[in-house]
Every structure is written in structure tokens, then in C-alpha cells.
Amino acid sequence: MHIKTLDYFQKIVTTKSISKVATMEHISQSALSQLIQKMEDDFGCKLLIRSNRGVKLTPFGEIVFKYSQNMVRMYENMKSDLNLAKENEDVVRVSANWPLATYALPCVLYDIKQKFKNHTYHLSSNFHNDKIIEDVENNIVDFGFVYGKPESTKVEYIPIGKDKATLLACPDFAIDDTINLEDVFTYEMIDFDMAENIMDHLDEKLRLHNKSVKDFKILFKVDNIEGAKVSIKNGYGIAFLPYSTVKTEVYKKTLKEIEIRDFKVHYDIYLVYKKNNIHTHSVKDTLKYLLNMDQKDFC
């Protein structure tokens, strides 16, 4: 028995007319009557009572009608999901820590797009590793890029690049190009609310020297990198920022990178994905590319 026959059956019950359904579905009345008769033969019972007033259900027909509603609905949902899957087959969803999404990954996605022109890429950003990893776990995104090694056991992850926390000042700020760590705490600092794992790495390194991020002379706090950059360029203070977000300014010498003797804060960038979510050609192609990319592929 075909699902379409159950659909016809439902419509006949709803309209109480075989002829009306035949007209709506562009099928002859005799052909439709034969389909219903075949249903009754298959089930071995009478489903409809036909009269001049139309049709109505028998007790057996009521049972078939009840279950057929769910069967037809599930079939329609299946078709809808299949169509949606076909539409989204070439869409690859990526989520990353905000600095990476804004400054490092656009070049990567551009290069991938040149190779796979039929694939579509959606890039979103988040400050929190946990949220990005959760989205990968729940198949909301296909790939995540985070600072620091994930702790989740539900995802696959691999180091794919490196970044560092860089101390910056404006070019004419009264500070030497190379200073000692203890000197950092004598300058007023712009506190940028970096991705949580970057601050953890910075604080971890400082504690090896019996210091903490709480020891900085914080002038004020900003929640975006551009605000931090403008504050530094205006000479308000110095700041630690991810190098990936400022390397253009350092190259153009609109910001000055300050070296700290015997103190480096490097951290890994991890690619996160869920093995059983690599199911479309677009996601498979992208994963293969990402696993073979190099540090220089980042912006």
C-alpha cells in the first residue's frame, strides 16, 4: 500500500466525498474508488460506508484513519527534512572565538571557497569556548575554532595553529621596545575582555612569576578589540591583545609590539569537529582541507 493511498483516504473522510477528492487530486472517480476498495481488501474489512449523503467511517475505518494521520504526517515531515537537507548539503557552518572569526579565519574561508566554489560557508563568533564546543556537540555547527585544548570527550579536536598574547603601545608611548616583566605592572593598562582561554593562559604564565592579571594597573575595560586599539593609539595606556588581531597594525607601525624579557604567552588554536557529523561532501571536503592547512593560511 502506498502512502498516497492513505492520503486519499484521509481526504475522503475529511470531505465525506470520493468525487470531490477525485476532482482535487486530478484522478478519475472510478480509479479512486478502486484504490479504496484495494485498501479494504488488503485490511480484510470494510472501512467506509457509502450512501447518497456521502461516506462515513466504519469502526474499522476509524482505526485506520487514526493511524493513517500519523503515517501521512511523518511521511510529509520526512520529505520536508529531505528537501531541507538537499538545500543545505553544500552549507558548512563554522563557529570560532571572536578574535579568530574576525581576524584569522576570513582568509581561510576565502581560500577554501576558491577551491570549493559550490560550497557555502556561514561563520559565527563567540567569546566562550564552551558555547562553541556545545554547538559542535549538538550539530548546530560543523566546525569550531577555539583557543586552548577542549575538555569535551564528545568531539574530535586537533591543534591547527598558534597565536600569542602581545603587549602593545602606540609608537610614541614612553616605553622601551623591550622591558622586564615587573615593568609591565608600572604602566596603566587597557583591559580588553579577551576570550576566556587567552586570559587563563596569560594568568597562568604570570603566576609562575608570582603575579596575576589582578596586579595590572587597569585604567578601564573594553569589550571589543577596536576599542582597545583606539585607546592604545591615543596613548591612554598599554594592552595585551591577540597577535592575530593586531599584526597588520604592527606591520604598518601604527601600533608597537613590546617585548617582555623571558616572558612569552603562546597558545594553540584548535579545530573542533564531531566525527559522526561529517556526512556531506561539503563538510568532508572542508575537513580534509583544514587538516592539511598551515599556520600561514590564517590572515
Protein backbone atom coordinates (compact mmCIF):
# COMPACT_ATOMS: atom_id res chain seq x y z
CA MET A 1 0.00 0.00 0.00
CA HIS A 2 1.27 3.45 -0.91
CA ILE A 3 1.32 6.43 1.46
CA LYS A 4 -0.53 8.36 -1.21
CA THR A 5 -3.47 5.96 -0.88
CA LEU A 6 -3.64 6.73 2.84
CA ASP A 7 -3.55 10.41 1.96
CA TYR A 8 -6.50 9.93 -0.40
CA PHE A 9 -8.33 8.02 2.33
CA GLN A 10 -7.85 10.87 4.82
CA LYS A 11 -9.11 13.45 2.36
CA ILE A 12 -12.18 11.34 1.54
CA VAL A 13 -13.01 11.07 5.25
CA THR A 14 -12.48 14.82 5.74
CA THR A 15 -14.57 15.89 2.73
CA LYS A 16 -17.03 12.96 3.03
CA SER A 17 -16.89 12.66 -0.74
CA ILE A 18 -14.98 10.44 -3.15
CA SER A 19 -15.93 12.62 -6.13
CA LYS A 20 -14.60 15.83 -4.53
CA VAL A 21 -11.25 14.23 -3.74
CA ALA A 22 -11.03 12.76 -7.24
CA THR A 23 -11.51 16.25 -8.68
CA MET A 24 -8.98 17.84 -6.29
CA GLU A 25 -6.35 15.18 -6.97
CA HIS A 26 -6.96 15.02 -10.73
CA ILE A 27 -7.79 11.33 -10.67
CA SER A 28 -10.89 9.60 -12.04
CA GLN A 29 -13.59 8.73 -9.53
CA SER A 30 -13.54 5.08 -10.61
CA ALA A 31 -9.76 4.84 -10.15
CA LEU A 32 -10.01 6.38 -6.69
CA SER A 33 -12.85 4.01 -5.75
CA GLN A 34 -10.70 1.09 -6.86
CA LEU A 35 -7.81 2.27 -4.64
CA ILE A 36 -10.11 2.42 -1.61
CA GLN A 37 -11.52 -0.99 -2.48
CA LYS A 38 -7.96 -2.34 -2.68
CA MET A 39 -7.28 -0.89 0.80
CA GLU A 40 -10.33 -2.64 2.19
CA ASP A 41 -9.26 -5.89 0.54
CA ASP A 42 -5.75 -5.57 1.99
CA PHE A 43 -7.08 -4.96 5.51
CA GLY A 44 -9.83 -7.53 5.13
CA CYS A 45 -12.57 -5.24 6.43
CA LYS A 46 -14.96 -2.52 5.37
CA LEU A 47 -13.55 0.97 6.01
CA LEU A 48 -16.18 3.28 4.53
CA ILE A 49 -19.96 3.27 4.33
CA ARG A 50 -21.10 4.84 1.08
CA SER A 51 -24.52 6.49 0.73
CA ASN A 52 -26.25 9.30 -1.12
CA ARG A 53 -25.26 11.58 1.76
CA GLY A 54 -21.59 10.82 1.19
CA VAL A 55 -19.24 8.49 3.04
CA LYS A 56 -18.59 7.85 6.69
CA LEU A 57 -16.19 5.67 8.64
CA THR A 58 -16.91 2.20 9.92
CA PRO A 59 -15.40 1.26 13.32
CA PHE A 60 -12.56 -0.40 11.37
CA GLY A 61 -12.20 2.73 9.26
CA GLU A 62 -11.83 4.86 12.39
CA ILE A 63 -8.82 2.78 13.45
CA VAL A 64 -7.20 3.11 10.02
CA PHE A 65 -7.95 6.84 9.92
CA LYS A 66 -6.36 7.40 13.34
CA TYR A 67 -3.09 5.70 12.42
CA SER A 68 -3.01 6.97 8.86
CA GLN A 69 -2.91 10.57 10.13
CA ASN A 70 0.40 9.96 11.87
CA MET A 71 1.78 7.94 8.97
CA VAL A 72 1.00 10.64 6.41
CA ARG A 73 2.29 13.37 8.73
CA MET A 74 5.56 11.51 9.30
CA TYR A 75 5.90 10.96 5.56
CA GLU A 76 5.41 14.68 4.88
CA ASN A 77 7.91 15.56 7.60
CA MET A 78 10.40 13.15 6.06
CA LYS A 79 10.00 14.78 2.65
CA SER A 80 10.40 18.22 4.21
CA ASP A 81 13.58 17.19 6.03
CA LEU A 82 14.97 15.63 2.86
CA ASN A 83 14.34 18.81 0.89
CA LEU A 84 15.94 20.88 3.63
CA ALA A 85 18.94 18.56 3.69
CA LYS A 86 19.32 18.90 -0.08
CA GLU A 87 19.18 22.68 0.18
CA ASN A 88 21.76 22.73 2.99
CA GLU A 89 24.01 19.99 1.66
CA ASP A 90 26.59 22.48 0.47
CA VAL A 91 26.39 24.70 3.57
CA VAL A 92 29.26 24.44 6.06
CA ARG A 93 28.66 26.08 9.44
CA VAL A 94 31.67 27.38 11.36
CA SER A 95 31.88 28.97 14.81
CA ALA A 96 35.00 30.48 16.35
CA ASN A 97 36.33 32.58 19.19
CA TRP A 98 35.57 36.20 18.32
CA PRO A 99 39.17 37.27 17.54
CA LEU A 100 39.63 34.27 15.26
CA ALA A 101 36.31 34.76 13.49
CA THR A 102 37.04 38.44 12.93
CA TYR A 103 40.73 38.47 12.04
CA ALA A 104 42.16 34.99 11.35
CA LEU A 105 39.52 32.88 9.62
CA PRO A 106 38.22 35.08 6.78
CA CYS A 107 41.39 34.33 4.78
CA VAL A 108 40.99 30.62 5.44
CA LEU A 109 37.38 30.61 4.27
CA TYR A 110 38.28 32.69 1.23
CA ASP A 111 40.93 30.17 0.18
CA ILE A 112 38.59 27.23 0.78
CA LYS A 113 35.86 28.95 -1.23
CA GLN A 114 38.24 29.35 -4.17
CA LYS A 115 38.80 25.60 -4.12
CA PHE A 116 35.19 24.57 -3.48
CA LYS A 117 33.12 27.17 -5.29
CA ASN A 118 29.82 25.33 -4.85
CA HIS A 119 30.09 25.20 -1.07
CA THR A 120 28.59 27.92 1.12
CA TYR A 121 30.21 28.93 4.41
CA HIS A 122 28.49 30.52 7.41
CA LEU A 123 30.88 31.92 10.04
CA SER A 124 29.68 32.95 13.51
CA SER A 125 31.62 34.15 16.54
CA ASN A 126 31.50 33.61 20.28
CA PHE A 127 33.66 34.67 23.21
CA HIS A 128 33.25 31.40 25.07
CA ASN A 129 34.90 28.09 24.19
CA ASP A 130 32.21 26.10 25.99
CA LYS A 131 29.43 27.52 23.81
CA ILE A 132 31.34 26.80 20.60
CA ILE A 133 32.09 23.23 21.67
CA GLU A 134 28.48 22.74 22.77
CA ASP A 135 27.31 23.84 19.32
CA VAL A 136 29.63 21.27 17.72
CA GLU A 137 28.38 18.56 20.10
CA ASN A 138 24.76 19.36 19.22
CA ASN A 139 25.40 19.51 15.45
CA ILE A 140 24.45 23.19 15.35
CA VAL A 141 27.77 23.91 13.62
CA ASP A 142 30.07 21.61 11.67
CA PHE A 143 33.38 23.06 12.87
CA GLY A 144 34.62 25.12 15.79
CA PHE A 145 37.86 27.04 16.24
CA VAL A 146 38.85 27.69 19.85
CA TYR A 147 41.80 28.89 21.89
CA GLY A 148 43.20 26.13 24.09
CA LYS A 149 42.63 22.38 24.27
CA PRO A 150 38.97 21.38 24.68
CA GLU A 151 38.00 19.12 27.58
CA SER A 152 34.95 17.58 25.91
CA THR A 153 35.01 13.85 25.22
CA LYS A 154 32.19 14.15 22.67
CA VAL A 155 34.21 15.89 19.97
CA GLU A 156 37.40 15.45 17.99
CA TYR A 157 39.99 18.21 18.20
CA ILE A 158 43.39 18.91 16.73
CA PRO A 159 45.85 21.83 17.08
CA ILE A 160 45.76 23.74 13.82
CA GLY A 161 47.70 26.92 14.54
CA LYS A 162 49.15 29.18 17.20
CA ASP A 163 48.58 32.68 18.49
CA LYS A 164 50.09 34.75 21.27
CA ALA A 165 49.13 37.48 23.71
CA THR A 166 51.09 40.54 22.61
CA LEU A 167 51.82 43.65 24.68
CA LEU A 168 51.15 46.79 22.64
CA ALA A 169 51.64 50.52 22.87
CA CYS A 170 51.36 53.44 20.48
CA PRO A 171 54.65 54.21 18.67
CA ASP A 172 55.40 57.37 20.67
CA PHE A 173 54.34 55.98 24.05
CA ALA A 174 57.02 56.42 26.71
CA ILE A 175 58.04 52.79 26.98
CA ASP A 176 61.11 50.86 25.79
CA ASP A 177 60.80 48.34 22.99
CA THR A 178 61.95 45.62 25.41
CA ILE A 179 61.12 45.62 29.11
CA ASN A 180 61.22 43.31 32.12
CA LEU A 181 58.05 41.66 33.35
CA GLU A 182 57.97 43.69 36.56
CA ASP A 183 57.92 46.88 34.47
CA VAL A 184 54.56 45.92 32.95
CA PHE A 185 52.86 46.49 36.29
CA THR A 186 54.05 50.12 36.45
CA TYR A 187 52.08 51.22 33.39
CA GLU A 188 48.38 51.95 33.12
CA MET A 189 46.70 49.23 31.12
CA ILE A 190 43.63 48.95 28.94
CA ASP A 191 41.88 45.74 29.92
CA PHE A 192 40.42 44.02 26.88
CA ASP A 193 37.89 41.33 27.72
CA MET A 194 39.65 38.67 25.68
CA ALA A 195 38.39 35.16 25.04
CA GLU A 196 38.43 33.39 28.38
CA ASN A 197 41.15 30.89 27.47
CA ILE A 198 43.58 33.65 26.46
CA MET A 199 43.22 35.29 29.87
CA ASP A 200 43.68 31.89 31.51
CA HIS A 201 46.95 31.36 29.62
CA LEU A 202 48.17 34.85 30.50
CA ASP A 203 47.28 34.45 34.16
CA GLU A 204 48.88 31.00 34.28
CA LYS A 205 52.17 32.40 32.94
CA LEU A 206 52.06 35.33 35.35
CA ARG A 207 51.56 33.04 38.34
CA LEU A 208 54.85 31.33 37.50
CA HIS A 209 56.36 34.72 38.39
CA ASN A 210 54.17 35.17 41.48
CA LYS A 211 51.97 37.67 39.68
CA SER A 212 48.38 37.74 38.42
CA VAL A 213 46.27 39.67 35.93
CA LYS A 214 44.70 41.25 39.01
CA ASP A 215 48.01 43.03 39.65
CA PHE A 216 47.76 45.14 36.48
CA LYS A 217 47.05 48.87 36.85
CA ILE A 218 43.77 48.78 34.95
CA LEU A 219 42.70 52.17 33.61
CA PHE A 220 39.42 50.89 32.18
CA LYS A 221 37.99 47.82 30.48
CA VAL A 222 36.68 47.44 26.92
CA ASP A 223 34.79 44.53 25.41
CA ASN A 224 35.94 44.91 21.81
CA ILE A 225 39.32 44.91 20.11
CA GLU A 226 38.78 48.04 18.05
CA GLY A 227 38.04 49.98 21.23
CA ALA A 228 41.26 48.64 22.73
CA LYS A 229 43.25 49.59 19.62
CA VAL A 230 41.90 53.15 19.57
CA SER A 231 42.69 53.54 23.27
CA ILE A 232 46.26 52.35 22.71
CA LYS A 233 46.75 54.59 19.66
CA ASN A 234 45.52 57.57 21.69
CA GLY A 235 48.23 56.87 24.25
CA TYR A 236 45.87 56.04 27.11
CA GLY A 237 47.87 53.01 28.11
CA ILE A 238 49.22 49.64 27.03
CA ALA A 239 47.32 46.39 26.49
CA PHE A 240 47.67 42.69 25.83
CA LEU A 241 45.88 41.67 22.62
CA PRO A 242 45.92 38.52 20.48
CA TYR A 243 48.65 38.95 17.87
CA SER A 244 46.33 37.75 15.11
CA THR A 245 44.17 40.83 15.72
CA VAL A 246 46.98 43.40 15.50
CA LYS A 247 49.66 42.08 13.17
CA THR A 248 48.53 44.45 10.39
CA GLU A 249 48.93 47.44 12.73
CA VAL A 250 52.30 46.15 13.95
CA TYR A 251 53.47 45.72 10.34
CA LYS A 252 52.29 49.23 9.43
CA LYS A 253 53.81 50.55 12.68
CA THR A 254 50.60 52.18 13.86
CA LEU A 255 51.00 50.03 16.97
CA LYS A 256 54.24 48.98 18.63
CA GLU A 257 54.85 45.48 19.93
CA ILE A 258 56.63 45.47 23.28
CA GLU A 259 58.91 42.53 24.00
CA ILE A 260 58.98 41.22 27.58
CA ARG A 261 62.22 39.52 28.57
CA ASP A 262 61.84 35.82 29.34
CA PHE A 263 58.06 36.02 29.11
CA LYS A 264 56.04 34.65 26.21
CA VAL A 265 52.36 33.72 26.14
CA HIS A 266 51.70 31.36 23.24
CA TYR A 267 48.60 29.21 22.94
CA ASP A 268 47.25 26.71 20.44
CA ILE A 269 44.28 27.21 18.15
CA TYR A 270 42.22 24.02 17.98
CA LEU A 271 39.93 22.77 15.25
CA VAL A 272 36.91 21.04 16.81
CA TYR A 273 34.52 18.73 14.99
CA LYS A 274 32.25 15.79 15.62
CA LYS A 275 33.26 12.65 13.76
CA ASN A 276 29.74 11.34 13.18
CA ASN A 277 28.64 14.73 11.81
CA ILE A 278 30.97 14.58 8.79
CA HIS A 279 28.23 13.38 6.45
CA THR A 280 28.02 15.73 3.45
CA HIS A 281 30.53 16.21 0.65
CA SER A 282 30.94 19.87 1.56
CA VAL A 283 31.84 19.08 5.18
CA LYS A 284 34.14 16.23 4.15
CA ASP A 285 35.94 18.45 1.63
CA THR A 286 36.33 21.21 4.19
CA LEU A 287 37.67 18.90 6.90
CA LYS A 288 40.26 17.45 4.54
CA TYR A 289 41.38 20.97 3.62
CA LEU A 290 41.54 22.16 7.22
CA LEU A 291 43.57 19.16 8.37
CA ASN A 292 46.20 19.98 5.75
CA MET A 293 46.30 23.75 6.18
CA ASP A 294 49.29 25.67 7.51
CA GLN A 295 49.74 28.49 10.03
CA LYS A 296 50.33 30.93 7.17
CA ASP A 297 46.81 30.24 5.88
CA PHE A 298 45.40 32.35 8.71
CA CYS A 299 45.02 36.07 7.97
